[in-house]
Amino acid sequence: VDDGDGTITDTATSLIWRQCSEGQANDTRCTGRALTYTWQQALQIPQTLNTSGGFAGHSDWRLPNLKELRSIVEEACYSPSINSTRFPNTPSSDFWSASAYADGSSGAWGVYFGRGNSGDGGRSSNWHVRLVRGGQ
């Protein structure tokens, strides 16, 4: 459901997502270029946002865990594998989750929205970010 304030509510999970990827304009088409970040930078984005007043009247934004991020994969879509009406101009690229990779401290999990699959990447890799609130 489009909440009309730059957020999307997933009625199946009750999670509330920022409609645009980080770096894009918070307009109805999510114009501009989505920026990429290392995993450490991605973890810092919601903290910075929340302490500077938040977004859409809320200051409890966070990086989604892998299961949450996978919940917005649209299996019927390809490149990007996401509902483009609700999440316009989503790059067909990797997005970070907050889930660390269990095999050491050098990786973290994410979702590749080109095909909708998940995988791990080195924490120094530059991937995209989409924030969420609620759930957990």
Protein backbone atom coordinates (compact mmCIF):
# COMPACT_ATOMS: atom_id res chain seq x y z
CA VAL A 1 0.00 0.00 0.00
CA ASP A 2 1.33 3.43 -0.93
CA ASP A 3 1.08 5.52 2.24
CA GLY A 4 1.40 8.79 0.29
CA ASP A 5 4.36 10.03 2.33
CA GLY A 6 7.26 8.30 0.61
CA THR A 7 6.62 5.00 2.37
CA ILE A 8 5.10 1.69 1.34
CA THR A 9 3.35 -0.63 3.82
CA ASP A 10 3.58 -4.34 3.06
CA THR A 11 0.26 -5.69 4.36
CA ALA A 12 1.61 -9.28 4.40
CA THR A 13 4.49 -8.48 6.78
CA SER A 14 3.35 -5.15 8.31
CA LEU A 15 6.77 -3.72 7.44
CA ILE A 16 6.95 -0.10 6.30
CA TRP A 17 9.55 0.59 3.61
CA ARG A 18 11.05 3.77 2.28
CA GLN A 19 9.76 3.88 -1.27
CA CYS A 20 13.00 5.16 -2.79
CA SER A 21 16.48 3.74 -2.56
CA GLU A 22 18.93 5.86 -0.55
CA GLY A 23 20.29 8.71 -2.64
CA GLN A 24 17.18 9.09 -4.80
CA ALA A 25 14.79 12.02 -4.50
CA ASN A 26 11.79 11.26 -2.31
CA ASP A 27 9.30 11.97 -5.06
CA THR A 28 6.68 9.68 -6.58
CA ARG A 29 9.11 8.42 -9.25
CA CYS A 30 12.25 8.13 -7.09
CA THR A 31 14.24 10.22 -9.52
CA GLY A 32 17.99 10.53 -9.41
CA ARG A 33 20.70 8.00 -8.89
CA ALA A 34 20.58 5.52 -6.04
CA LEU A 35 23.88 5.70 -4.19
CA THR A 36 26.04 2.78 -3.08
CA TYR A 37 27.67 2.24 0.29
CA THR A 38 29.91 -0.20 2.12
CA TRP A 39 28.16 -2.36 4.70
CA GLN A 40 29.44 -0.23 7.59
CA GLN A 41 28.19 2.92 5.86
CA ALA A 42 24.83 1.20 5.21
CA LEU A 43 24.45 0.41 8.91
CA GLN A 44 25.13 4.07 9.75
CA ILE A 45 22.51 5.53 7.36
CA PRO A 46 19.44 4.84 9.54
CA GLN A 47 21.21 6.07 12.68
CA THR A 48 22.05 9.35 10.95
CA LEU A 49 18.53 9.67 9.53
CA ASN A 50 16.86 8.92 12.88
CA THR A 51 18.97 11.37 14.88
CA SER A 52 18.38 14.13 12.32
CA GLY A 53 14.59 14.02 12.61
CA GLY A 54 13.72 10.80 10.82
CA PHE A 55 11.53 10.42 7.76
CA ALA A 56 7.74 10.53 7.30
CA GLY A 57 7.26 11.35 10.98
CA HIS A 58 9.22 8.35 12.28
CA SER A 59 12.69 7.96 13.72
CA ASP A 60 12.97 4.18 14.00
CA TRP A 61 14.30 3.37 10.52
CA ARG A 62 16.80 0.55 10.15
CA LEU A 63 18.55 -1.65 7.63
CA PRO A 64 16.34 -4.72 7.01
CA ASN A 65 17.54 -8.21 7.85
CA LEU A 66 17.89 -10.68 4.97
CA LYS A 67 14.48 -12.28 5.45
CA GLU A 68 12.78 -8.87 5.44
CA LEU A 69 14.65 -7.70 2.34
CA ARG A 70 13.77 -10.93 0.52
CA SER A 71 10.09 -10.31 1.35
CA ILE A 72 9.88 -7.50 -1.23
CA VAL A 73 11.36 -9.58 -4.06
CA GLU A 74 8.74 -9.92 -6.78
CA GLU A 75 9.21 -13.41 -8.24
CA ALA A 76 7.13 -12.57 -11.32
CA CYS A 77 9.43 -9.67 -12.26
CA TYR A 78 12.94 -9.60 -13.64
CA SER A 79 15.52 -6.82 -13.72
CA PRO A 80 14.38 -5.48 -11.35
CA SER A 81 12.73 -8.27 -9.37
CA ILE A 82 10.56 -5.89 -7.37
CA ASN A 83 7.16 -4.24 -7.74
CA SER A 84 8.18 -1.25 -9.87
CA THR A 85 4.87 0.51 -9.24
CA ARG A 86 5.49 0.62 -5.48
CA PHE A 87 9.30 0.90 -5.71
CA PRO A 88 9.99 2.85 -8.92
CA ASN A 89 13.47 3.12 -10.43
CA THR A 90 14.93 0.44 -8.18
CA PRO A 91 18.34 -0.50 -9.56
CA SER A 92 18.75 -4.09 -10.75
CA SER A 93 21.67 -4.39 -8.36
CA ASP A 94 22.75 -5.62 -4.95
CA PHE A 95 21.15 -4.21 -1.78
CA TRP A 96 22.58 -4.66 1.70
CA SER A 97 20.77 -6.34 4.56
CA ALA A 98 21.76 -6.00 8.22
CA SER A 99 22.50 -9.74 8.36
CA ALA A 100 26.17 -10.51 8.80
CA TYR A 101 27.62 -13.52 7.03
CA ALA A 102 28.16 -16.28 9.62
CA ASP A 103 31.46 -17.49 8.12
CA GLY A 104 33.75 -14.81 9.47
CA SER A 105 33.64 -11.08 9.80
CA SER A 106 34.35 -10.14 6.19
CA GLY A 107 30.91 -10.60 4.63
CA ALA A 108 27.25 -9.68 4.92
CA TRP A 109 24.08 -10.79 3.16
CA GLY A 110 22.13 -8.91 0.54
CA VAL A 111 19.63 -9.29 -2.29
CA TYR A 112 20.40 -8.85 -5.97
CA PHE A 113 17.28 -7.21 -7.41
CA GLY A 114 18.28 -8.09 -10.97
CA ARG A 115 17.17 -11.69 -10.48
CA GLY A 116 15.80 -11.59 -6.93
CA ASN A 117 18.38 -13.93 -5.44
CA SER A 118 20.28 -13.46 -2.20
CA GLY A 119 23.99 -13.83 -1.58
CA ASP A 120 26.87 -12.56 0.45
CA GLY A 121 29.33 -9.86 -0.37
CA GLY A 122 32.46 -8.42 1.16
CA ARG A 123 31.63 -5.67 3.62
CA SER A 124 33.82 -3.25 1.67
CA SER A 125 31.71 -3.77 -1.48
CA ASN A 126 29.52 -0.88 -2.60
CA TRP A 127 25.85 -1.88 -2.65
CA HIS A 128 22.53 -0.03 -2.53
CA VAL A 129 20.33 0.55 0.53
CA ARG A 130 16.59 0.59 1.22
CA LEU A 131 15.41 1.27 4.78
CA VAL A 132 12.53 -0.28 6.70
CA ARG A 133 10.72 0.17 10.00
CA GLY A 134 8.42 -2.07 12.06
CA GLY A 135 8.56 -5.83 12.39
CA GLN A 136 11.44 -7.72 14.03
